[in-house]
Amino acid sequence: MIPSKIARAATQHRTPLISFLGKRTIPQNIDHTPRPHPQSPTGALPTSFAEYRKTAIQHGPLASQPAAQTARGTIEASVGEFFDRNQLPRRFWRMTMSPKEMEIIESGGAAAWA
């Protein structure tokens, strides 16, 4: 090795930029019981997930219903608006695949042309 690097390493001491205040401890007094959000409209927790799903609205009702009941009242679609694709005319519904089409897709498509 180069003697100057050895001498410099012996004289200089590296000090970290972060200084820790003490030993890491886990707090014992944290309460982990579920609580409603401070800005919750009802101020209460839902009784079950099924009850929550009945009233939850995320860009329209989660279930395919024409109207949804929430804590703030009934939400209904305006004229020309729909909550689900199945409420539109049939030409806008999701296309269904035949078993033959599914087999072609699963095989990679080459078997259909061979």
PDB file of N, CA and C in Angstrom:
ATOM      1  N   MET A   1       0.830  -1.198   0.000  1.00  0.00           N
ATOM      2  CA  MET A   1       0.000   0.000   0.000  1.00  0.00           C
ATOM      3  C   MET A   1       0.869   1.255   0.000  1.00  0.00           C
ATOM      4  N   ILE A   2       0.264   2.346  -0.248  1.00  0.00           N
ATOM      5  CA  ILE A   2       0.970   3.633  -0.265  1.00  0.00           C
ATOM      6  C   ILE A   2       1.070   4.124   1.181  1.00  0.00           C
ATOM      7  N   PRO A   3       2.247   4.483   1.652  1.00  0.00           N
ATOM      8  CA  PRO A   3       2.411   4.894   3.052  1.00  0.00           C
ATOM      9  C   PRO A   3       1.603   6.131   3.434  1.00  0.00           C
ATOM     10  N   SER A   4       1.386   7.068   2.497  1.00  0.00           N
ATOM     11  CA  SER A   4       0.649   8.281   2.849  1.00  0.00           C
ATOM     12  C   SER A   4      -0.816   7.971   3.174  1.00  0.00           C
ATOM     13  N   LYS A   5      -1.414   6.996   2.457  1.00  0.00           N
ATOM     14  CA  LYS A   5      -2.799   6.629   2.748  1.00  0.00           C
ATOM     15  C   LYS A   5      -2.914   5.969   4.110  1.00  0.00           C
ATOM     16  N   ILE A   6      -1.919   5.183   4.466  1.00  0.00           N
ATOM     17  CA  ILE A   6      -1.941   4.522   5.773  1.00  0.00           C
ATOM     18  C   ILE A   6      -1.806   5.561   6.877  1.00  0.00           C
ATOM     19  N   ALA A   7      -0.939   6.525   6.696  1.00  0.00           N
ATOM     20  CA  ALA A   7      -0.733   7.564   7.701  1.00  0.00           C
ATOM     21  C   ALA A   7      -1.983   8.438   7.846  1.00  0.00           C
ATOM     22  N   ARG A   8      -2.601   8.766   6.706  1.00  0.00           N
ATOM     23  CA  ARG A   8      -3.796   9.592   6.747  1.00  0.00           C
ATOM     24  C   ARG A   8      -4.947   8.846   7.444  1.00  0.00           C
ATOM     25  N   ALA A   9      -5.083   7.548   7.162  1.00  0.00           N
ATOM     26  CA  ALA A   9      -6.140   6.763   7.778  1.00  0.00           C
ATOM     27  C   ALA A   9      -5.947   6.653   9.282  1.00  0.00           C
ATOM     28  N   ALA A  10      -4.733   6.635   9.732  1.00  0.00           N
ATOM     29  CA  ALA A  10      -4.466   6.517  11.164  1.00  0.00           C
ATOM     30  C   ALA A  10      -4.736   7.838  11.889  1.00  0.00           C
ATOM     31  N   THR A  11      -4.524   8.963  11.218  1.00  0.00           N
ATOM     32  CA  THR A  11      -4.693  10.259  11.880  1.00  0.00           C
ATOM     33  C   THR A  11      -6.107  10.811  11.767  1.00  0.00           C
ATOM     34  N   GLN A  12      -6.790  10.517  10.678  1.00  0.00           N
ATOM     35  CA  GLN A  12      -8.137  11.051  10.493  1.00  0.00           C
ATOM     36  C   GLN A  12      -9.169  10.034  10.985  1.00  0.00           C
ATOM     37  N   HIS A  13     -10.164  10.537  11.662  1.00  0.00           N
ATOM     38  CA  HIS A  13     -11.251   9.681  12.140  1.00  0.00           C
ATOM     39  C   HIS A  13     -12.539  10.106  11.438  1.00  0.00           C
ATOM     40  N   ARG A  14     -13.249   9.134  10.913  1.00  0.00           N
ATOM     41  CA  ARG A  14     -14.503   9.427  10.201  1.00  0.00           C
ATOM     42  C   ARG A  14     -15.633   9.592  11.208  1.00  0.00           C
ATOM     43  N   THR A  15     -16.324  10.719  11.114  1.00  0.00           N
ATOM     44  CA  THR A  15     -17.484  10.938  11.983  1.00  0.00           C
ATOM     45  C   THR A  15     -18.740  10.894  11.120  1.00  0.00           C
ATOM     46  N   PRO A  16     -19.737  10.130  11.527  1.00  0.00           N
ATOM     47  CA  PRO A  16     -20.955  10.055  10.734  1.00  0.00           C
ATOM     48  C   PRO A  16     -21.726  11.373  10.769  1.00  0.00           C
ATOM     49  N   LEU A  17     -22.471  11.649   9.697  1.00  0.00           N
ATOM     50  CA  LEU A  17     -23.256  12.878   9.627  1.00  0.00           C
ATOM     51  C   LEU A  17     -24.532  12.785  10.460  1.00  0.00           C
ATOM     52  N   ILE A  18     -24.993  11.575  10.757  1.00  0.00           N
ATOM     53  CA  ILE A  18     -26.199  11.375  11.554  1.00  0.00           C
ATOM     54  C   ILE A  18     -25.795  11.023  12.967  1.00  0.00           C
ATOM     55  N   SER A  19     -26.379  11.708  13.934  1.00  0.00           N
ATOM     56  CA  SER A  19     -26.104  11.364  15.327  1.00  0.00           C
ATOM     57  C   SER A  19     -27.399  10.851  15.958  1.00  0.00           C
ATOM     58  N   PHE A  20     -27.305   9.678  16.551  1.00  0.00           N
ATOM     59  CA  PHE A  20     -28.468   9.061  17.171  1.00  0.00           C
ATOM     60  C   PHE A  20     -28.526   9.472  18.639  1.00  0.00           C
ATOM     61  N   LEU A  21     -29.728   9.670  19.150  1.00  0.00           N
ATOM     62  CA  LEU A  21     -29.891  10.204  20.499  1.00  0.00           C
ATOM     63  C   LEU A  21     -29.795   9.136  21.581  1.00  0.00           C
ATOM     64  N   GLY A  22     -30.158   7.925  21.279  1.00  0.00           N
ATOM     65  CA  GLY A  22     -30.104   6.901  22.315  1.00  0.00           C
ATOM     66  C   GLY A  22     -30.475   5.549  21.757  1.00  0.00           C
ATOM     67  N   LYS A  23     -30.647   4.591  22.657  1.00  0.00           N
ATOM     68  CA  LYS A  23     -30.981   3.232  22.276  1.00  0.00           C
ATOM     69  C   LYS A  23     -32.391   3.198  21.700  1.00  0.00           C
ATOM     70  N   ARG A  24     -32.586   2.398  20.676  1.00  0.00           N
ATOM     71  CA  ARG A  24     -33.887   2.271  20.043  1.00  0.00           C
ATOM     72  C   ARG A  24     -34.822   1.498  20.963  1.00  0.00           C
ATOM     73  N   THR A  25     -35.971   2.074  21.274  1.00  0.00           N
ATOM     74  CA  THR A  25     -36.942   1.405  22.133  1.00  0.00           C
ATOM     75  C   THR A  25     -38.310   1.427  21.467  1.00  0.00           C
ATOM     76  N   ILE A  26     -39.091   0.401  21.725  1.00  0.00           N
ATOM     77  CA  ILE A  26     -40.445   0.306  21.189  1.00  0.00           C
ATOM     78  C   ILE A  26     -41.400   0.846  22.239  1.00  0.00           C
ATOM     79  N   PRO A  27     -42.228   1.834  21.905  1.00  0.00           N
ATOM     80  CA  PRO A  27     -43.159   2.366  22.904  1.00  0.00           C
ATOM     81  C   PRO A  27     -44.181   1.307  23.310  1.00  0.00           C
ATOM     82  N   GLN A  28     -44.472   1.237  24.589  1.00  0.00           N
ATOM     83  CA  GLN A  28     -45.405   0.242  25.115  1.00  0.00           C
ATOM     84  C   GLN A  28     -46.808   0.800  25.308  1.00  0.00           C
ATOM     85  N   ASN A  29     -47.001   2.099  25.193  1.00  0.00           N
ATOM     86  CA  ASN A  29     -48.299   2.698  25.506  1.00  0.00           C
ATOM     87  C   ASN A  29     -49.102   3.114  24.275  1.00  0.00           C
ATOM     88  N   ILE A  30     -48.856   2.511  23.116  1.00  0.00           N
ATOM     89  CA  ILE A  30     -49.600   2.860  21.906  1.00  0.00           C
ATOM     90  C   ILE A  30     -50.876   2.038  21.855  1.00  0.00           C
ATOM     91  N   ASP A  31     -51.991   2.687  21.635  1.00  0.00           N
ATOM     92  CA  ASP A  31     -53.290   2.016  21.553  1.00  0.00           C
ATOM     93  C   ASP A  31     -53.583   1.682  20.087  1.00  0.00           C
ATOM     94  N   HIS A  32     -53.719   0.389  19.783  1.00  0.00           N
ATOM     95  CA  HIS A  32     -53.948  -0.049  18.413  1.00  0.00           C
ATOM     96  C   HIS A  32     -55.396  -0.458  18.166  1.00  0.00           C
ATOM     97  N   THR A  33     -56.301  -0.096  19.039  1.00  0.00           N
ATOM     98  CA  THR A  33     -57.699  -0.460  18.819  1.00  0.00           C
ATOM     99  C   THR A  33     -58.260   0.355  17.655  1.00  0.00           C
ATOM    100  N   PRO A  34     -59.125  -0.253  16.814  1.00  0.00           N
ATOM    101  CA  PRO A  34     -59.680   0.489  15.679  1.00  0.00           C
ATOM    102  C   PRO A  34     -60.574   1.633  16.140  1.00  0.00           C
ATOM    103  N   ARG A  35     -60.423   2.766  15.475  1.00  0.00           N
ATOM    104  CA  ARG A  35     -61.240   3.944  15.767  1.00  0.00           C
ATOM    105  C   ARG A  35     -61.706   4.535  14.450  1.00  0.00           C
ATOM    106  N   PRO A  36     -62.849   5.193  14.431  1.00  0.00           N
ATOM    107  CA  PRO A  36     -63.281   5.838  13.181  1.00  0.00           C
ATOM    108  C   PRO A  36     -62.371   7.014  12.856  1.00  0.00           C
ATOM    109  N   HIS A  37     -62.311   7.323  11.583  1.00  0.00           N
ATOM    110  CA  HIS A  37     -61.519   8.462  11.134  1.00  0.00           C
ATOM    111  C   HIS A  37     -62.102   9.745  11.724  1.00  0.00           C
ATOM    112  N   PRO A  38     -61.258  10.708  12.087  1.00  0.00           N
ATOM    113  CA  PRO A  38     -61.780  11.952  12.676  1.00  0.00           C
ATOM    114  C   PRO A  38     -62.774  12.691  11.783  1.00  0.00           C
ATOM    115  N   GLN A  39     -62.661  12.562  10.455  1.00  0.00           N
ATOM    116  CA  GLN A  39     -63.575  13.257   9.557  1.00  0.00           C
ATOM    117  C   GLN A  39     -64.662  12.338   9.009  1.00  0.00           C
ATOM    118  N   SER A  40     -64.891  11.211   9.670  1.00  0.00           N
ATOM    119  CA  SER A  40     -65.928  10.283   9.238  1.00  0.00           C
ATOM    120  C   SER A  40     -67.296  10.940   9.351  1.00  0.00           C
ATOM    121  N   PRO A  41     -68.169  10.801   8.334  1.00  0.00           N
ATOM    122  CA  PRO A  41     -69.478  11.448   8.417  1.00  0.00           C
ATOM    123  C   PRO A  41     -70.359  10.879   9.516  1.00  0.00           C
ATOM    124  N   THR A  42     -70.203   9.593   9.846  1.00  0.00           N
ATOM    125  CA  THR A  42     -71.041   8.995  10.882  1.00  0.00           C
ATOM    126  C   THR A  42     -70.347   8.978  12.232  1.00  0.00           C
ATOM    127  N   GLY A  43     -69.032   8.987  12.263  1.00  0.00           N
ATOM    128  CA  GLY A  43     -68.309   8.936  13.525  1.00  0.00           C
ATOM    129  C   GLY A  43     -68.309   7.557  14.150  1.00  0.00           C
ATOM    130  N   ALA A  44     -68.641   6.515  13.376  1.00  0.00           N
ATOM    131  CA  ALA A  44     -68.687   5.152  13.898  1.00  0.00           C
ATOM    132  C   ALA A  44     -68.020   4.209  12.910  1.00  0.00           C
ATOM    133  N   LEU A  45     -67.527   3.096  13.427  1.00  0.00           N
ATOM    134  CA  LEU A  45     -66.941   2.071  12.575  1.00  0.00           C
ATOM    135  C   LEU A  45     -68.039   1.225  11.949  1.00  0.00           C
ATOM    136  N   PRO A  46     -67.824   0.692  10.742  1.00  0.00           N
ATOM    137  CA  PRO A  46     -68.820  -0.213  10.172  1.00  0.00           C
ATOM    138  C   PRO A  46     -68.854  -1.511  10.967  1.00  0.00           C
ATOM    139  N   THR A  47     -70.040  -2.126  11.051  1.00  0.00           N
ATOM    140  CA  THR A  47     -70.169  -3.353  11.828  1.00  0.00           C
ATOM    141  C   THR A  47     -69.522  -4.530  11.126  1.00  0.00           C
ATOM    142  N   SER A  48     -69.569  -4.571   9.804  1.00  0.00           N
ATOM    143  CA  SER A  48     -68.935  -5.645   9.053  1.00  0.00           C
ATOM    144  C   SER A  48     -68.593  -5.126   7.668  1.00  0.00           C
ATOM    145  N   PHE A  49     -67.784  -5.893   6.940  1.00  0.00           N
ATOM    146  CA  PHE A  49     -67.418  -5.485   5.597  1.00  0.00           C
ATOM    147  C   PHE A  49     -68.626  -5.522   4.677  1.00  0.00           C
ATOM    148  N   ALA A  50     -69.528  -6.483   4.894  1.00  0.00           N
ATOM    149  CA  ALA A  50     -70.737  -6.573   4.073  1.00  0.00           C
ATOM    150  C   ALA A  50     -71.597  -5.324   4.250  1.00  0.00           C
ATOM    151  N   GLU A  51     -71.716  -4.830   5.477  1.00  0.00           N
ATOM    152  CA  GLU A  51     -72.478  -3.600   5.714  1.00  0.00           C
ATOM    153  C   GLU A  51     -71.796  -2.401   5.062  1.00  0.00           C
ATOM    154  N   TYR A  52     -70.473  -2.379   5.102  1.00  0.00           N
ATOM    155  CA  TYR A  52     -69.733  -1.289   4.476  1.00  0.00           C
ATOM    156  C   TYR A  52     -69.955  -1.287   2.970  1.00  0.00           C
ATOM    157  N   ARG A  53     -69.938  -2.471   2.349  1.00  0.00           N
ATOM    158  CA  ARG A  53     -70.105  -2.556   0.889  1.00  0.00           C
ATOM    159  C   ARG A  53     -71.470  -2.062   0.436  1.00  0.00           C
ATOM    160  N   LYS A  54     -72.486  -2.189   1.297  1.00  0.00           N
ATOM    161  CA  LYS A  54     -73.829  -1.732   0.919  1.00  0.00           C
ATOM    162  C   LYS A  54     -73.878  -0.218   0.742  1.00  0.00           C
ATOM    163  N   THR A  55     -73.058   0.496   1.497  1.00  0.00           N
ATOM    164  CA  THR A  55     -73.120   1.960   1.454  1.00  0.00           C
ATOM    165  C   THR A  55     -71.913   2.603   0.789  1.00  0.00           C
ATOM    166  N   ALA A  56     -70.916   1.823   0.429  1.00  0.00           N
ATOM    167  CA  ALA A  56     -69.684   2.398  -0.134  1.00  0.00           C
ATOM    168  C   ALA A  56     -69.922   2.896  -1.549  1.00  0.00           C
ATOM    169  N   ILE A  57     -69.372   4.045  -1.856  1.00  0.00           N
ATOM    170  CA  ILE A  57     -69.458   4.626  -3.185  1.00  0.00           C
ATOM    171  C   ILE A  57     -68.033   4.907  -3.647  1.00  0.00           C
ATOM    172  N   GLN A  58     -67.675   4.363  -4.788  1.00  0.00           N
ATOM    173  CA  GLN A  58     -66.375   4.641  -5.380  1.00  0.00           C
ATOM    174  C   GLN A  58     -66.606   4.822  -6.871  1.00  0.00           C
ATOM    175  N   HIS A  59     -66.748   6.044  -7.300  1.00  0.00           N
ATOM    176  CA  HIS A  59     -67.103   6.358  -8.680  1.00  0.00           C
ATOM    177  C   HIS A  59     -68.406   5.646  -9.039  1.00  0.00           C
ATOM    178  N   GLY A  60     -69.374   5.694  -8.166  1.00  0.00           N
ATOM    179  CA  GLY A  60     -70.644   4.989  -8.349  1.00  0.00           C
ATOM    180  C   GLY A  60     -70.722   3.828  -7.388  1.00  0.00           C
ATOM    181  N   PRO A  61     -71.888   3.221  -7.253  1.00  0.00           N
ATOM    182  CA  PRO A  61     -72.028   2.115  -6.309  1.00  0.00           C
ATOM    183  C   PRO A  61     -71.151   0.930  -6.695  1.00  0.00           C
ATOM    184  N   LEU A  62     -70.729   0.153  -5.697  1.00  0.00           N
ATOM    185  CA  LEU A  62     -69.921  -1.020  -5.964  1.00  0.00           C
ATOM    186  C   LEU A  62     -70.773  -2.146  -6.528  1.00  0.00           C
ATOM    187  N   ALA A  63     -72.026  -2.211  -6.131  1.00  0.00           N
ATOM    188  CA  ALA A  63     -72.935  -3.202  -6.696  1.00  0.00           C
ATOM    189  C   ALA A  63     -73.621  -2.582  -7.905  1.00  0.00           C
ATOM    190  N   SER A  64     -74.093  -3.416  -8.809  1.00  0.00           N
ATOM    191  CA  SER A  64     -74.762  -2.872  -9.995  1.00  0.00           C
ATOM    192  C   SER A  64     -76.211  -2.547  -9.645  1.00  0.00           C
ATOM    193  N   GLN A  65     -76.400  -1.392  -9.042  1.00  0.00           N
ATOM    194  CA  GLN A  65     -77.719  -0.921  -8.633  1.00  0.00           C
ATOM    195  C   GLN A  65     -77.961   0.430  -9.281  1.00  0.00           C
ATOM    196  N   PRO A  66     -79.209   0.732  -9.614  1.00  0.00           N
ATOM    197  CA  PRO A  66     -79.466   2.045 -10.204  1.00  0.00           C
ATOM    198  C   PRO A  66     -79.299   3.186  -9.208  1.00  0.00           C
ATOM    199  N   ALA A  67     -79.436   2.930  -7.901  1.00  0.00           N
ATOM    200  CA  ALA A  67     -79.254   3.963  -6.894  1.00  0.00           C
ATOM    201  C   ALA A  67     -78.588   3.331  -5.689  1.00  0.00           C
ATOM    202  N   ALA A  68     -77.863   4.114  -4.918  1.00  0.00           N
ATOM    203  CA  ALA A  68     -77.168   3.599  -3.747  1.00  0.00           C
ATOM    204  C   ALA A  68     -77.516   4.446  -2.542  1.00  0.00           C
ATOM    205  N   GLN A  69     -77.704   3.804  -1.396  1.00  0.00           N
ATOM    206  CA  GLN A  69     -78.013   4.494  -0.153  1.00  0.00           C
ATOM    207  C   GLN A  69     -76.717   4.714   0.612  1.00  0.00           C
ATOM    208  N   THR A  70     -76.414   5.942   0.962  1.00  0.00           N
ATOM    209  CA  THR A  70     -75.203   6.241   1.718  1.00  0.00           C
ATOM    210  C   THR A  70     -75.595   7.001   2.971  1.00  0.00           C
ATOM    211  N   ALA A  71     -74.589   7.340   3.781  1.00  0.00           N
ATOM    212  CA  ALA A  71     -74.835   8.101   5.002  1.00  0.00           C
ATOM    213  C   ALA A  71     -75.330   9.500   4.667  1.00  0.00           C
ATOM    214  N   ARG A  72     -74.999   9.977   3.480  1.00  0.00           N
ATOM    215  CA  ARG A  72     -75.399  11.338   3.097  1.00  0.00           C
ATOM    216  C   ARG A  72     -76.676  11.366   2.267  1.00  0.00           C
ATOM    217  N   GLY A  73     -77.297  10.206   2.068  1.00  0.00           N
ATOM    218  CA  GLY A  73     -78.534  10.153   1.292  1.00  0.00           C
ATOM    219  C   GLY A  73     -78.402   9.234   0.106  1.00  0.00           C
ATOM    220  N   THR A  74     -79.417   9.208  -0.711  1.00  0.00           N
ATOM    221  CA  THR A  74     -79.420   8.342  -1.882  1.00  0.00           C
ATOM    222  C   THR A  74     -78.682   9.016  -3.027  1.00  0.00           C
ATOM    223  N   ILE A  75     -77.834   8.249  -3.691  1.00  0.00           N
ATOM    224  CA  ILE A  75     -77.113   8.760  -4.850  1.00  0.00           C
ATOM    225  C   ILE A  75     -77.701   8.076  -6.071  1.00  0.00           C
ATOM    226  N   GLU A  76     -78.209   8.852  -6.987  1.00  0.00           N
ATOM    227  CA  GLU A  76     -78.785   8.312  -8.206  1.00  0.00           C
ATOM    228  C   GLU A  76     -78.025   8.866  -9.400  1.00  0.00           C
ATOM    229  N   ALA A  77     -77.981   8.071 -10.428  1.00  0.00           N
ATOM    230  CA  ALA A  77     -77.296   8.507 -11.639  1.00  0.00           C
ATOM    231  C   ALA A  77     -78.117   9.591 -12.324  1.00  0.00           C
ATOM    232  N   SER A  78     -77.441  10.597 -12.827  1.00  0.00           N
ATOM    233  CA  SER A  78     -78.115  11.648 -13.586  1.00  0.00           C
ATOM    234  C   SER A  78     -78.550  11.097 -14.940  1.00  0.00           C
ATOM    235  N   VAL A  79     -79.295  11.883 -15.670  1.00  0.00           N
ATOM    236  CA  VAL A  79     -79.734  11.458 -16.997  1.00  0.00           C
ATOM    237  C   VAL A  79     -78.509  11.315 -17.893  1.00  0.00           C
ATOM    238  N   GLY A  80     -78.368  10.168 -18.514  1.00  0.00           N
ATOM    239  CA  GLY A  80     -77.232   9.917 -19.383  1.00  0.00           C
ATOM    240  C   GLY A  80     -76.010   9.368 -18.671  1.00  0.00           C
ATOM    241  N   GLU A  81     -76.070   9.185 -17.335  1.00  0.00           N
ATOM    242  CA  GLU A  81     -74.973   8.611 -16.575  1.00  0.00           C
ATOM    243  C   GLU A  81     -75.389   7.251 -16.056  1.00  0.00           C
ATOM    244  N   PHE A  82     -74.420   6.335 -15.965  1.00  0.00           N
ATOM    245  CA  PHE A  82     -74.696   4.987 -15.517  1.00  0.00           C
ATOM    246  C   PHE A  82     -73.617   4.564 -14.539  1.00  0.00           C
ATOM    247  N   PHE A  83     -73.997   3.747 -13.548  1.00  0.00           N
ATOM    248  CA  PHE A  83     -73.042   3.256 -12.567  1.00  0.00           C
ATOM    249  C   PHE A  83     -72.341   1.987 -13.029  1.00  0.00           C
ATOM    250  N   ASP A  84     -72.926   1.260 -13.941  1.00  0.00           N
ATOM    251  CA  ASP A  84     -72.347  -0.008 -14.386  1.00  0.00           C
ATOM    252  C   ASP A  84     -72.528  -0.136 -15.888  1.00  0.00           C
ATOM    253  N   ARG A  85     -71.620  -0.848 -16.520  1.00  0.00           N
ATOM    254  CA  ARG A  85     -71.667  -1.035 -17.962  1.00  0.00           C
ATOM    255  C   ARG A  85     -72.901  -1.835 -18.379  1.00  0.00           C
ATOM    256  N   ASN A  86     -73.398  -2.699 -17.494  1.00  0.00           N
ATOM    257  CA  ASN A  86     -74.568  -3.512 -17.829  1.00  0.00           C
ATOM    258  C   ASN A  86     -75.865  -2.707 -17.850  1.00  0.00           C
ATOM    259  N   GLN A  87     -75.847  -1.482 -17.395  1.00  0.00           N
ATOM    260  CA  GLN A  87     -77.023  -0.617 -17.470  1.00  0.00           C
ATOM    261  C   GLN A  87     -77.099   0.094 -18.828  1.00  0.00           C
ATOM    262  N   LEU A  88     -76.041   0.029 -19.596  1.00  0.00           N
ATOM    263  CA  LEU A  88     -76.021   0.619 -20.937  1.00  0.00           C
ATOM    264  C   LEU A  88     -76.717  -0.321 -21.919  1.00  0.00           C
ATOM    265  N   PRO A  89     -76.967   0.116 -23.150  1.00  0.00           N
ATOM    266  CA  PRO A  89     -77.498  -0.802 -24.148  1.00  0.00           C
ATOM    267  C   PRO A  89     -76.545  -1.982 -24.359  1.00  0.00           C
ATOM    268  N   ARG A  90     -77.088  -3.103 -24.813  1.00  0.00           N
ATOM    269  CA  ARG A  90     -76.332  -4.356 -24.916  1.00  0.00           C
ATOM    270  C   ARG A  90     -75.076  -4.226 -25.784  1.00  0.00           C
ATOM    271  N   ARG A  91     -75.060  -3.345 -26.766  1.00  0.00           N
ATOM    272  CA  ARG A  91     -73.882  -3.224 -27.628  1.00  0.00           C
ATOM    273  C   ARG A  91     -72.666  -2.699 -26.874  1.00  0.00           C
ATOM    274  N   PHE A  92     -72.860  -2.109 -25.679  1.00  0.00           N
ATOM    275  CA  PHE A  92     -71.746  -1.604 -24.884  1.00  0.00           C
ATOM    276  C   PHE A  92     -71.316  -2.567 -23.788  1.00  0.00           C
ATOM    277  N   TRP A  93     -71.979  -3.710 -23.648  1.00  0.00           N
ATOM    278  CA  TRP A  93     -71.627  -4.676 -22.611  1.00  0.00           C
ATOM    279  C   TRP A  93     -70.274  -5.293 -22.921  1.00  0.00           C
ATOM    280  N   ARG A  94     -69.686  -5.920 -21.921  1.00  0.00           N
ATOM    281  CA  ARG A  94     -68.430  -6.640 -22.129  1.00  0.00           C
ATOM    282  C   ARG A  94     -68.685  -7.837 -23.022  1.00  0.00           C
ATOM    283  N   MET A  95     -67.783  -8.089 -23.944  1.00  0.00           N
ATOM    284  CA  MET A  95     -67.967  -9.191 -24.881  1.00  0.00           C
ATOM    285  C   MET A  95     -67.628 -10.507 -24.182  1.00  0.00           C
ATOM    286  N   THR A  96     -68.421 -11.533 -24.464  1.00  0.00           N
ATOM    287  CA  THR A  96     -68.142 -12.848 -23.918  1.00  0.00           C
ATOM    288  C   THR A  96     -67.348 -13.645 -24.943  1.00  0.00           C
ATOM    289  N   MET A  97     -66.535 -14.573 -24.455  1.00  0.00           N
ATOM    290  CA  MET A  97     -65.713 -15.388 -25.341  1.00  0.00           C
ATOM    291  C   MET A  97     -66.269 -16.798 -25.393  1.00  0.00           C
ATOM    292  N   SER A  98     -66.181 -17.383 -26.566  1.00  0.00           N
ATOM    293  CA  SER A  98     -66.574 -18.779 -26.721  1.00  0.00           C
ATOM    294  C   SER A  98     -65.432 -19.664 -26.222  1.00  0.00           C
ATOM    295  N   PRO A  99     -65.722 -20.926 -25.904  1.00  0.00           N
ATOM    296  CA  PRO A  99     -64.634 -21.829 -25.491  1.00  0.00           C
ATOM    297  C   PRO A  99     -63.537 -21.964 -26.547  1.00  0.00           C
ATOM    298  N   LYS A 100     -63.898 -21.890 -27.827  1.00  0.00           N
ATOM    299  CA  LYS A 100     -62.895 -21.987 -28.896  1.00  0.00           C
ATOM    300  C   LYS A 100     -61.964 -20.771 -28.864  1.00  0.00           C
ATOM    301  N   GLU A 101     -62.530 -19.582 -28.665  1.00  0.00           N
ATOM    302  CA  GLU A 101     -61.699 -18.378 -28.582  1.00  0.00           C
ATOM    303  C   GLU A 101     -60.759 -18.446 -27.383  1.00  0.00           C
ATOM    304  N   MET A 102     -61.254 -18.947 -26.247  1.00  0.00           N
ATOM    305  CA  MET A 102     -60.390 -19.071 -25.069  1.00  0.00           C
ATOM    306  C   MET A 102     -59.248 -20.053 -25.316  1.00  0.00           C
ATOM    307  N   GLU A 103     -59.542 -21.144 -26.018  1.00  0.00           N
ATOM    308  CA  GLU A 103     -58.511 -22.127 -26.321  1.00  0.00           C
ATOM    309  C   GLU A 103     -57.448 -21.536 -27.246  1.00  0.00           C
ATOM    310  N   ILE A 104     -57.858 -20.738 -28.213  1.00  0.00           N
ATOM    311  CA  ILE A 104     -56.913 -20.096 -29.122  1.00  0.00           C
ATOM    312  C   ILE A 104     -56.000 -19.144 -28.352  1.00  0.00           C
ATOM    313  N   ILE A 105     -56.575 -18.377 -27.439  1.00  0.00           N
ATOM    314  CA  ILE A 105     -55.784 -17.422 -26.654  1.00  0.00           C
ATOM    315  C   ILE A 105     -54.803 -18.156 -25.744  1.00  0.00           C
ATOM    316  N   GLU A 106     -55.283 -19.211 -25.077  1.00  0.00           N
ATOM    317  CA  GLU A 106     -54.412 -19.949 -24.157  1.00  0.00           C
ATOM    318  C   GLU A 106     -53.288 -20.683 -24.884  1.00  0.00           C
ATOM    319  N   SER A 107     -53.525 -21.089 -26.134  1.00  0.00           N
ATOM    320  CA  SER A 107     -52.474 -21.793 -26.869  1.00  0.00           C
ATOM    321  C   SER A 107     -51.483 -20.845 -27.517  1.00  0.00           C
ATOM    322  N   GLY A 108     -51.759 -19.560 -27.497  1.00  0.00           N
ATOM    323  CA  GLY A 108     -50.857 -18.576 -28.084  1.00  0.00           C
ATOM    324  C   GLY A 108     -51.300 -18.128 -29.460  1.00  0.00           C
ATOM    325  N   GLY A 109     -52.332 -18.756 -30.016  1.00  0.00           N
ATOM    326  CA  GLY A 109     -52.892 -18.314 -31.274  1.00  0.00           C
ATOM    327  C   GLY A 109     -52.372 -19.033 -32.498  1.00  0.00           C
ATOM    328  N   ALA A 110     -51.225 -19.677 -32.402  1.00  0.00           N
ATOM    329  CA  ALA A 110     -50.646 -20.314 -33.589  1.00  0.00           C
ATOM    330  C   ALA A 110     -51.437 -21.540 -34.019  1.00  0.00           C
ATOM    331  N   ALA A 111     -52.088 -22.211 -33.072  1.00  0.00           N
ATOM    332  CA  ALA A 111     -52.835 -23.429 -33.408  1.00  0.00           C
ATOM    333  C   ALA A 111     -54.038 -23.117 -34.279  1.00  0.00           C
ATOM    334  N   ALA A 112     -54.549 -21.901 -34.237  1.00  0.00           N
ATOM    335  CA  ALA A 112     -55.726 -21.541 -35.040  1.00  0.00           C
ATOM    336  C   ALA A 112     -55.373 -21.446 -36.516  1.00  0.00           C
ATOM    337  N   TRP A 113     -54.114 -21.179 -36.848  1.00  0.00           N
ATOM    338  CA  TRP A 113     -53.712 -20.983 -38.237  1.00  0.00           C
ATOM    339  C   TRP A 113     -53.015 -22.203 -38.829  1.00  0.00           C
ATOM    340  N   ALA A 114     -52.708 -23.194 -38.004  1.00  0.00           N
ATOM    341  CA  ALA A 114     -51.983 -24.372 -38.501  1.00  0.00           C
ATOM    342  C   ALA A 114     -52.901 -25.359 -39.163  1.00  0.00           C
TER     343      ALA A 114
END
